[in-house]
């Protein structure tokens, strides 16, 4: 059985591209639709009710385009909206928090795990809950990094400004003896080389988005909705509520692809 319908990805901005990058590698036959709500990014400081509303707006836009699975490629949205959307939809819905937590539990040797994320994700305690449910003896340190998303969305993730912001923000983690750090926001892998340099080579970085695609692959098999290699990928399209030009520049840089199709989409008031 083959299912040509696309997989939908949603995020507050360009961060979910780190998840799509992994999807392009691991799921070469799957069609992909992506919405980044860059006009209303970041989600981290927003009230939970507003994040839920925005997440539903993106979800409904993709449902109208006939997706077969939804990946909430945003940690903040996963933390506050996943369960509600999962319960309401007839298609599989997956978030990025549980896969990241599972990978961290598997990776850590000294049981000291750090989580960096938006204010909303850290405030929700979603990672800490997921980690301690799987391994109660863990010592979990969470840190909000509110400036990271803006650095990525403005395409400054290679700049000296980014290096300074990352070093200053991560300073409180220096004495925590972490051996594993979860990048608890899908924007953060674009800052990965800088984060690794600041936190030290002996700390393993967990990319929650990349871990998620392994579970997406498993669910495609479980529900028997994979696309056939005979069909291959015919669709990979991106939508943004903000500047299509800036989104395209970041997407082509990060995904290492030329001529990516990006369209502007309206989802409601900012």
C-alpha atoms as a PDB file:
ATOM      1  CA  UNK A   1       0.000   0.000   0.000  1.00  0.00           C
ATOM      2  CA  UNK A   2       1.259   3.479  -0.842  1.00  0.00           C
ATOM      3  CA  UNK A   3       0.142   6.877   0.399  1.00  0.00           C
ATOM      4  CA  UNK A   4       1.287   9.889  -1.624  1.00  0.00           C
ATOM      5  CA  UNK A   5      -0.269  12.455   0.730  1.00  0.00           C
ATOM      6  CA  UNK A   6       2.296  14.841   2.252  1.00  0.00           C
ATOM      7  CA  UNK A   7       3.548  14.977   5.827  1.00  0.00           C
ATOM      8  CA  UNK A   8       2.836  18.374   7.401  1.00  0.00           C
ATOM      9  CA  UNK A   9       5.374  20.224   9.539  1.00  0.00           C
ATOM     10  CA  UNK A  10       4.579  23.333  11.588  1.00  0.00           C
ATOM     11  CA  UNK A  11       6.812  25.687  13.570  1.00  0.00           C
ATOM     12  CA  UNK A  12       6.882  29.212  14.948  1.00  0.00           C
ATOM     13  CA  UNK A  13       9.396  30.149  12.238  1.00  0.00           C
ATOM     14  CA  UNK A  14      12.414  28.645  10.501  1.00  0.00           C
ATOM     15  CA  UNK A  15      13.423  26.372  13.394  1.00  0.00           C
ATOM     16  CA  UNK A  16      11.415  23.405  12.136  1.00  0.00           C
ATOM     17  CA  UNK A  17      13.664  23.352   9.068  1.00  0.00           C
ATOM     18  CA  UNK A  18      16.117  21.440  11.278  1.00  0.00           C
ATOM     19  CA  UNK A  19      13.475  18.697  11.481  1.00  0.00           C
ATOM     20  CA  UNK A  20      12.761  18.848   7.747  1.00  0.00           C
ATOM     21  CA  UNK A  21      16.494  18.530   7.037  1.00  0.00           C
ATOM     22  CA  UNK A  22      16.474  15.187   8.827  1.00  0.00           C
ATOM     23  CA  UNK A  23      13.258  14.178   7.046  1.00  0.00           C
ATOM     24  CA  UNK A  24      14.854  14.851   3.669  1.00  0.00           C
ATOM     25  CA  UNK A  25      17.668  12.442   4.644  1.00  0.00           C
ATOM     26  CA  UNK A  26      15.699   9.685   6.365  1.00  0.00           C
ATOM     27  CA  UNK A  27      12.463   9.793   4.353  1.00  0.00           C
ATOM     28  CA  UNK A  28      13.533  10.331   0.732  1.00  0.00           C
ATOM     29  CA  UNK A  29      10.168   9.275  -0.744  1.00  0.00           C
ATOM     30  CA  UNK A  30       7.899  11.399   1.429  1.00  0.00           C
ATOM     31  CA  UNK A  31       6.214  14.578   0.228  1.00  0.00           C
ATOM     32  CA  UNK A  32       6.575  17.527   2.600  1.00  0.00           C
ATOM     33  CA  UNK A  33       4.544  20.646   3.414  1.00  0.00           C
ATOM     34  CA  UNK A  34       5.818  23.136   5.981  1.00  0.00           C
ATOM     35  CA  UNK A  35       4.377  26.243   7.608  1.00  0.00           C
ATOM     36  CA  UNK A  36       6.576  28.634   9.598  1.00  0.00           C
ATOM     37  CA  UNK A  37       4.719  31.358  11.484  1.00  0.00           C
ATOM     38  CA  UNK A  38       7.600  33.820  11.232  1.00  0.00           C
ATOM     39  CA  UNK A  39       5.348  36.898  11.479  1.00  0.00           C
ATOM     40  CA  UNK A  40       4.370  35.920  15.032  1.00  0.00           C
ATOM     41  CA  UNK A  41       7.648  34.330  16.097  1.00  0.00           C
ATOM     42  CA  UNK A  42       8.876  33.785  18.792  1.00  0.00           C
ATOM     43  CA  UNK A  43       6.233  31.707  20.546  1.00  0.00           C
ATOM     44  CA  UNK A  44       8.258  31.265  23.732  1.00  0.00           C
ATOM     45  CA  UNK A  45       7.168  34.466  25.538  1.00  0.00           C
ATOM     46  CA  UNK A  46       3.508  34.211  24.452  1.00  0.00           C
ATOM     47  CA  UNK A  47       0.660  32.980  26.698  1.00  0.00           C
ATOM     48  CA  UNK A  48      -0.093  29.268  26.308  1.00  0.00           C
ATOM     49  CA  UNK A  49      -3.640  29.946  25.042  1.00  0.00           C
ATOM     50  CA  UNK A  50      -2.283  32.077  22.217  1.00  0.00           C
ATOM     51  CA  UNK A  51       0.279  29.437  21.227  1.00  0.00           C
ATOM     52  CA  UNK A  52      -2.509  26.843  21.110  1.00  0.00           C
ATOM     53  CA  UNK A  53      -4.574  29.136  18.877  1.00  0.00           C
ATOM     54  CA  UNK A  54      -1.678  29.778  16.485  1.00  0.00           C
ATOM     55  CA  UNK A  55      -0.832  26.080  16.377  1.00  0.00           C
ATOM     56  CA  UNK A  56      -4.421  25.242  15.434  1.00  0.00           C
ATOM     57  CA  UNK A  57      -4.356  27.878  12.676  1.00  0.00           C
ATOM     58  CA  UNK A  58      -1.281  26.266  11.107  1.00  0.00           C
ATOM     59  CA  UNK A  59      -2.695  22.789  11.605  1.00  0.00           C
ATOM     60  CA  UNK A  60      -5.985  23.641   9.924  1.00  0.00           C
ATOM     61  CA  UNK A  61      -4.183  25.242   6.981  1.00  0.00           C
ATOM     62  CA  UNK A  62      -2.272  22.000   6.395  1.00  0.00           C
ATOM     63  CA  UNK A  63      -5.333  19.801   6.930  1.00  0.00           C
ATOM     64  CA  UNK A  64      -6.962  21.688   4.062  1.00  0.00           C
ATOM     65  CA  UNK A  65      -4.015  20.620   1.908  1.00  0.00           C
ATOM     66  CA  UNK A  66      -4.612  16.944   2.682  1.00  0.00           C
ATOM     67  CA  UNK A  67      -1.725  15.908   4.952  1.00  0.00           C
ATOM     68  CA  UNK A  68      -1.526  12.323   6.265  1.00  0.00           C
ATOM     69  CA  UNK A  69       0.526  13.093   9.390  1.00  0.00           C
ATOM     70  CA  UNK A  70       1.327  16.218  11.410  1.00  0.00           C
ATOM     71  CA  UNK A  71       4.706  16.939  12.981  1.00  0.00           C
ATOM     72  CA  UNK A  72       4.613  19.788  15.500  1.00  0.00           C
ATOM     73  CA  UNK A  73       8.225  20.791  14.881  1.00  0.00           C
ATOM     74  CA  UNK A  74       8.204  23.397  17.646  1.00  0.00           C
ATOM     75  CA  UNK A  75       8.974  22.627  21.275  1.00  0.00           C
ATOM     76  CA  UNK A  76       6.837  25.452  22.667  1.00  0.00           C
ATOM     77  CA  UNK A  77       3.820  24.342  20.622  1.00  0.00           C
ATOM     78  CA  UNK A  78       4.465  20.695  21.487  1.00  0.00           C
ATOM     79  CA  UNK A  79       4.550  21.538  25.202  1.00  0.00           C
ATOM     80  CA  UNK A  80       1.166  23.294  25.245  1.00  0.00           C
ATOM     81  CA  UNK A  81      -0.818  22.072  22.233  1.00  0.00           C
ATOM     82  CA  UNK A  82       0.224  18.516  21.314  1.00  0.00           C
ATOM     83  CA  UNK A  83      -2.218  16.593  23.473  1.00  0.00           C
ATOM     84  CA  UNK A  84      -5.232  18.693  22.434  1.00  0.00           C
ATOM     85  CA  UNK A  85      -4.463  18.437  18.724  1.00  0.00           C
ATOM     86  CA  UNK A  86      -3.544  14.768  18.930  1.00  0.00           C
ATOM     87  CA  UNK A  87      -6.878  13.964  20.576  1.00  0.00           C
ATOM     88  CA  UNK A  88      -8.855  15.924  17.980  1.00  0.00           C
ATOM     89  CA  UNK A  89      -7.318  14.722  14.707  1.00  0.00           C
ATOM     90  CA  UNK A  90      -7.894  11.442  12.829  1.00  0.00           C
ATOM     91  CA  UNK A  91      -4.294  11.430  11.537  1.00  0.00           C
ATOM     92  CA  UNK A  92      -1.103  10.676  13.519  1.00  0.00           C
ATOM     93  CA  UNK A  93       0.321  13.716  15.338  1.00  0.00           C
ATOM     94  CA  UNK A  94       3.827  13.774  16.774  1.00  0.00           C
ATOM     95  CA  UNK A  95       5.753  16.378  18.796  1.00  0.00           C
ATOM     96  CA  UNK A  96       9.462  16.862  19.418  1.00  0.00           C
ATOM     97  CA  UNK A  97       9.724  16.593  23.212  1.00  0.00           C
ATOM     98  CA  UNK A  98       9.370  12.861  23.912  1.00  0.00           C
ATOM     99  CA  UNK A  99      11.856  11.786  21.218  1.00  0.00           C
ATOM    100  CA  UNK A 100      14.405  14.262  22.577  1.00  0.00           C
ATOM    101  CA  UNK A 101      13.887  13.100  26.154  1.00  0.00           C
ATOM    102  CA  UNK A 102      14.246   9.447  25.158  1.00  0.00           C
ATOM    103  CA  UNK A 103      17.516  10.144  23.352  1.00  0.00           C
ATOM    104  CA  UNK A 104      18.926  12.050  26.348  1.00  0.00           C
ATOM    105  CA  UNK A 105      18.091   9.234  28.790  1.00  0.00           C
ATOM    106  CA  UNK A 106      19.871   6.815  26.478  1.00  0.00           C
ATOM    107  CA  UNK A 107      22.904   9.100  26.061  1.00  0.00           C
ATOM    108  CA  UNK A 108      23.711  10.315  29.591  1.00  0.00           C
ATOM    109  CA  UNK A 109      26.320   8.492  31.653  1.00  0.00           C
ATOM    110  CA  UNK A 110      26.485  10.660  34.788  1.00  0.00           C
ATOM    111  CA  UNK A 111      22.695  11.319  34.931  1.00  0.00           C
ATOM    112  CA  UNK A 112      23.194  15.097  34.699  1.00  0.00           C
ATOM    113  CA  UNK A 113      21.092  16.368  31.809  1.00  0.00           C
ATOM    114  CA  UNK A 114      20.545  19.960  30.730  1.00  0.00           C
ATOM    115  CA  UNK A 115      17.658  21.377  28.736  1.00  0.00           C
ATOM    116  CA  UNK A 116      17.802  24.690  26.902  1.00  0.00           C
ATOM    117  CA  UNK A 117      14.645  26.084  25.339  1.00  0.00           C
ATOM    118  CA  UNK A 118      12.304  29.031  25.053  1.00  0.00           C
ATOM    119  CA  UNK A 119      10.746  30.600  28.126  1.00  0.00           C
ATOM    120  CA  UNK A 120       7.475  28.841  27.271  1.00  0.00           C
ATOM    121  CA  UNK A 121       9.031  25.396  26.960  1.00  0.00           C
ATOM    122  CA  UNK A 122      11.055  25.745  30.158  1.00  0.00           C
ATOM    123  CA  UNK A 123       8.077  27.146  32.072  1.00  0.00           C
ATOM    124  CA  UNK A 124       5.918  24.195  30.986  1.00  0.00           C
ATOM    125  CA  UNK A 125       8.349  21.717  32.566  1.00  0.00           C
ATOM    126  CA  UNK A 126       7.529  19.324  29.724  1.00  0.00           C
ATOM    127  CA  UNK A 127      11.085  18.055  29.250  1.00  0.00           C
ATOM    128  CA  UNK A 128      11.715  17.625  32.958  1.00  0.00           C
ATOM    129  CA  UNK A 129       8.469  15.655  33.321  1.00  0.00           C
ATOM    130  CA  UNK A 130       9.300  13.443  30.330  1.00  0.00           C
ATOM    131  CA  UNK A 131      12.878  12.848  31.493  1.00  0.00           C
ATOM    132  CA  UNK A 132      12.017  12.015  35.107  1.00  0.00           C
ATOM    133  CA  UNK A 133       9.183   9.710  34.076  1.00  0.00           C
ATOM    134  CA  UNK A 134      11.706   7.653  32.131  1.00  0.00           C
ATOM    135  CA  UNK A 135      14.595   7.952  34.589  1.00  0.00           C
ATOM    136  CA  UNK A 136      13.674   9.316  38.070  1.00  0.00           C
ATOM    137  CA  UNK A 137      17.311   9.434  39.216  1.00  0.00           C
ATOM    138  CA  UNK A 138      18.260  12.087  36.650  1.00  0.00           C
ATOM    139  CA  UNK A 139      19.375  15.529  37.749  1.00  0.00           C
ATOM    140  CA  UNK A 140      17.779  17.925  35.255  1.00  0.00           C
ATOM    141  CA  UNK A 141      18.846  21.535  34.800  1.00  0.00           C
ATOM    142  CA  UNK A 142      16.651  23.715  32.567  1.00  0.00           C
ATOM    143  CA  UNK A 143      17.624  27.105  31.172  1.00  0.00           C
ATOM    144  CA  UNK A 144      15.565  29.520  29.087  1.00  0.00           C
ATOM    145  CA  UNK A 145      17.489  31.080  26.197  1.00  0.00           C
ATOM    146  CA  UNK A 146      15.105  33.811  24.995  1.00  0.00           C
ATOM    147  CA  UNK A 147      17.491  35.515  22.562  1.00  0.00           C
ATOM    148  CA  UNK A 148      18.466  32.450  20.524  1.00  0.00           C
ATOM    149  CA  UNK A 149      15.353  32.311  18.331  1.00  0.00           C
ATOM    150  CA  UNK A 150      15.663  35.947  17.265  1.00  0.00           C
ATOM    151  CA  UNK A 151      19.310  35.401  16.306  1.00  0.00           C
ATOM    152  CA  UNK A 152      18.300  32.522  14.035  1.00  0.00           C
ATOM    153  CA  UNK A 153      15.221  34.211  12.547  1.00  0.00           C
ATOM    154  CA  UNK A 154      17.319  37.265  11.596  1.00  0.00           C
ATOM    155  CA  UNK A 155      19.896  34.995   9.897  1.00  0.00           C
ATOM    156  CA  UNK A 156      22.663  35.975  12.319  1.00  0.00           C
ATOM    157  CA  UNK A 157      23.462  32.430  13.404  1.00  0.00           C
ATOM    158  CA  UNK A 158      27.004  32.585  11.952  1.00  0.00           C
ATOM    159  CA  UNK A 159      27.802  35.999  13.420  1.00  0.00           C
ATOM    160  CA  UNK A 160      30.015  37.248  16.253  1.00  0.00           C
ATOM    161  CA  UNK A 161      26.813  38.577  17.858  1.00  0.00           C
ATOM    162  CA  UNK A 162      25.526  34.994  18.035  1.00  0.00           C
ATOM    163  CA  UNK A 163      28.750  33.814  19.681  1.00  0.00           C
ATOM    164  CA  UNK A 164      28.512  36.528  22.340  1.00  0.00           C
ATOM    165  CA  UNK A 165      24.822  35.863  23.082  1.00  0.00           C
ATOM    166  CA  UNK A 166      25.321  32.094  23.336  1.00  0.00           C
ATOM    167  CA  UNK A 167      28.357  32.435  25.635  1.00  0.00           C
ATOM    168  CA  UNK A 168      26.563  34.861  27.968  1.00  0.00           C
ATOM    169  CA  UNK A 169      23.325  32.867  28.035  1.00  0.00           C
ATOM    170  CA  UNK A 170      24.901  29.471  28.707  1.00  0.00           C
ATOM    171  CA  UNK A 171      27.243  30.719  31.453  1.00  0.00           C
ATOM    172  CA  UNK A 172      24.932  29.451  34.280  1.00  0.00           C
ATOM    173  CA  UNK A 173      25.446  25.866  33.024  1.00  0.00           C
ATOM    174  CA  UNK A 174      29.240  25.905  33.455  1.00  0.00           C
ATOM    175  CA  UNK A 175      29.297  24.330  36.934  1.00  0.00           C
ATOM    176  CA  UNK A 176      26.433  21.869  36.454  1.00  0.00           C
ATOM    177  CA  UNK A 177      28.625  18.896  35.383  1.00  0.00           C
ATOM    178  CA  UNK A 178      26.324  18.110  32.464  1.00  0.00           C
ATOM    179  CA  UNK A 179      27.281  15.332  30.086  1.00  0.00           C
ATOM    180  CA  UNK A 180      24.162  15.706  27.927  1.00  0.00           C
ATOM    181  CA  UNK A 181      22.332  18.835  26.750  1.00  0.00           C
ATOM    182  CA  UNK A 182      18.979  18.787  24.954  1.00  0.00           C
ATOM    183  CA  UNK A 183      18.542  21.459  22.309  1.00  0.00           C
ATOM    184  CA  UNK A 184      14.934  21.966  23.355  1.00  0.00           C
ATOM    185  CA  UNK A 185      14.002  24.314  20.528  1.00  0.00           C
ATOM    186  CA  UNK A 186      14.171  23.381  16.855  1.00  0.00           C
ATOM    187  CA  UNK A 187      15.853  26.732  16.092  1.00  0.00           C
ATOM    188  CA  UNK A 188      18.867  25.849  18.223  1.00  0.00           C
ATOM    189  CA  UNK A 189      20.600  23.313  15.920  1.00  0.00           C
ATOM    190  CA  UNK A 190      21.370  26.239  13.605  1.00  0.00           C
ATOM    191  CA  UNK A 191      23.524  27.496  16.494  1.00  0.00           C
ATOM    192  CA  UNK A 192      24.915  24.038  17.234  1.00  0.00           C
ATOM    193  CA  UNK A 193      28.630  24.688  16.454  1.00  0.00           C
ATOM    194  CA  UNK A 194      28.619  27.758  18.719  1.00  0.00           C
ATOM    195  CA  UNK A 195      26.694  25.973  21.487  1.00  0.00           C
ATOM    196  CA  UNK A 196      29.078  23.009  21.317  1.00  0.00           C
ATOM    197  CA  UNK A 197      32.103  25.298  21.518  1.00  0.00           C
ATOM    198  CA  UNK A 198      30.716  27.123  24.566  1.00  0.00           C
ATOM    199  CA  UNK A 199      29.413  24.086  26.457  1.00  0.00           C
ATOM    200  CA  UNK A 200      32.467  21.912  25.698  1.00  0.00           C
ATOM    201  CA  UNK A 201      33.209  18.967  23.437  1.00  0.00           C
ATOM    202  CA  UNK A 202      32.605  16.468  26.263  1.00  0.00           C
ATOM    203  CA  UNK A 203      28.892  17.374  26.451  1.00  0.00           C
ATOM    204  CA  UNK A 204      26.657  15.455  24.026  1.00  0.00           C
ATOM    205  CA  UNK A 205      24.079  17.636  22.277  1.00  0.00           C
ATOM    206  CA  UNK A 206      20.664  16.109  21.610  1.00  0.00           C
ATOM    207  CA  UNK A 207      18.774  17.485  18.614  1.00  0.00           C
ATOM    208  CA  UNK A 208      15.152  16.819  19.563  1.00  0.00           C
ATOM    209  CA  UNK A 209      13.962  17.508  16.024  1.00  0.00           C
ATOM    210  CA  UNK A 210      16.328  15.043  14.403  1.00  0.00           C
ATOM    211  CA  UNK A 211      15.333  12.381  16.929  1.00  0.00           C
ATOM    212  CA  UNK A 212      11.687  12.970  16.021  1.00  0.00           C
ATOM    213  CA  UNK A 213      12.098  11.822  12.425  1.00  0.00           C
ATOM    214  CA  UNK A 214      13.056   8.327  13.608  1.00  0.00           C
ATOM    215  CA  UNK A 215       9.644   8.134  15.271  1.00  0.00           C
ATOM    216  CA  UNK A 216       7.925   9.573  12.197  1.00  0.00           C
ATOM    217  CA  UNK A 217       9.477   6.780  10.135  1.00  0.00           C
ATOM    218  CA  UNK A 218       8.246   4.179  12.604  1.00  0.00           C
ATOM    219  CA  UNK A 219       4.700   5.606  12.583  1.00  0.00           C
ATOM    220  CA  UNK A 220       4.596   5.642   8.775  1.00  0.00           C
ATOM    221  CA  UNK A 221       5.295   1.906   8.854  1.00  0.00           C
ATOM    222  CA  UNK A 222       2.935   1.217  11.744  1.00  0.00           C
ATOM    223  CA  UNK A 223      -0.035   2.952  10.094  1.00  0.00           C
ATOM    224  CA  UNK A 224       0.997   1.677   6.639  1.00  0.00           C
ATOM    225  CA  UNK A 225       0.958   5.162   5.139  1.00  0.00           C
ATOM    226  CA  UNK A 226       4.462   5.343   3.633  1.00  0.00           C
ATOM    227  CA  UNK A 227       4.902   6.626   0.116  1.00  0.00           C
ATOM    228  CA  UNK A 228       6.269   4.138  -2.396  1.00  0.00           C
ATOM    229  CA  UNK A 229       9.823   4.447  -3.761  1.00  0.00           C
ATOM    230  CA  UNK A 230       8.171   4.097  -7.187  1.00  0.00           C
ATOM    231  CA  UNK A 231       6.479   7.447  -6.671  1.00  0.00           C
ATOM    232  CA  UNK A 232       9.363   9.199  -4.964  1.00  0.00           C
ATOM    233  CA  UNK A 233       9.141  12.759  -3.640  1.00  0.00           C
ATOM    234  CA  UNK A 234       7.279  15.116  -5.957  1.00  0.00           C
ATOM    235  CA  UNK A 235       6.365  17.827  -3.452  1.00  0.00           C
ATOM    236  CA  UNK A 236       8.434  19.859  -0.981  1.00  0.00           C
ATOM    237  CA  UNK A 237       6.785  23.208  -0.358  1.00  0.00           C
ATOM    238  CA  UNK A 238       7.169  25.843   2.323  1.00  0.00           C
ATOM    239  CA  UNK A 239       4.803  28.532   3.580  1.00  0.00           C
ATOM    240  CA  UNK A 240       5.599  31.455   5.855  1.00  0.00           C
ATOM    241  CA  UNK A 241       3.507  34.192   7.448  1.00  0.00           C
ATOM    242  CA  UNK A 242       6.494  36.544   7.211  1.00  0.00           C
ATOM    243  CA  UNK A 243       9.029  37.402   4.514  1.00  0.00           C
ATOM    244  CA  UNK A 244       9.176  34.674   1.875  1.00  0.00           C
ATOM    245  CA  UNK A 245      12.543  36.020   0.683  1.00  0.00           C
ATOM    246  CA  UNK A 246      14.256  35.818   4.087  1.00  0.00           C
ATOM    247  CA  UNK A 247      12.701  32.415   4.772  1.00  0.00           C
ATOM    248  CA  UNK A 248      13.957  31.156   1.405  1.00  0.00           C
ATOM    249  CA  UNK A 249      17.492  32.417   2.098  1.00  0.00           C
ATOM    250  CA  UNK A 250      17.642  30.626   5.444  1.00  0.00           C
ATOM    251  CA  UNK A 251      15.994  27.470   4.073  1.00  0.00           C
ATOM    252  CA  UNK A 252      18.376  27.208   1.118  1.00  0.00           C
ATOM    253  CA  UNK A 253      21.370  27.818   3.389  1.00  0.00           C
ATOM    254  CA  UNK A 254      20.330  25.302   6.038  1.00  0.00           C
ATOM    255  CA  UNK A 255      18.884  22.591   3.780  1.00  0.00           C
ATOM    256  CA  UNK A 256      21.644  23.062   1.185  1.00  0.00           C
ATOM    257  CA  UNK A 257      19.071  23.111  -1.607  1.00  0.00           C
ATOM    258  CA  UNK A 258      18.564  25.497  -4.507  1.00  0.00           C
ATOM    259  CA  UNK A 259      15.315  27.013  -5.725  1.00  0.00           C
ATOM    260  CA  UNK A 260      13.153  26.127  -2.742  1.00  0.00           C
ATOM    261  CA  UNK A 261       9.498  27.062  -3.245  1.00  0.00           C
ATOM    262  CA  UNK A 262       8.344  29.441  -0.482  1.00  0.00           C
ATOM    263  CA  UNK A 263       4.932  31.103  -0.473  1.00  0.00           C
ATOM    264  CA  UNK A 264       3.491  33.724   1.857  1.00  0.00           C
ATOM    265  CA  UNK A 265       0.410  32.576   3.774  1.00  0.00           C
ATOM    266  CA  UNK A 266      -2.030  34.510   5.962  1.00  0.00           C
ATOM    267  CA  UNK A 267      -3.179  32.821   9.163  1.00  0.00           C
ATOM    268  CA  UNK A 268      -4.853  35.586  11.179  1.00  0.00           C
ATOM    269  CA  UNK A 269      -3.906  38.625  13.239  1.00  0.00           C
ATOM    270  CA  UNK A 270      -0.437  38.953  14.761  1.00  0.00           C
END
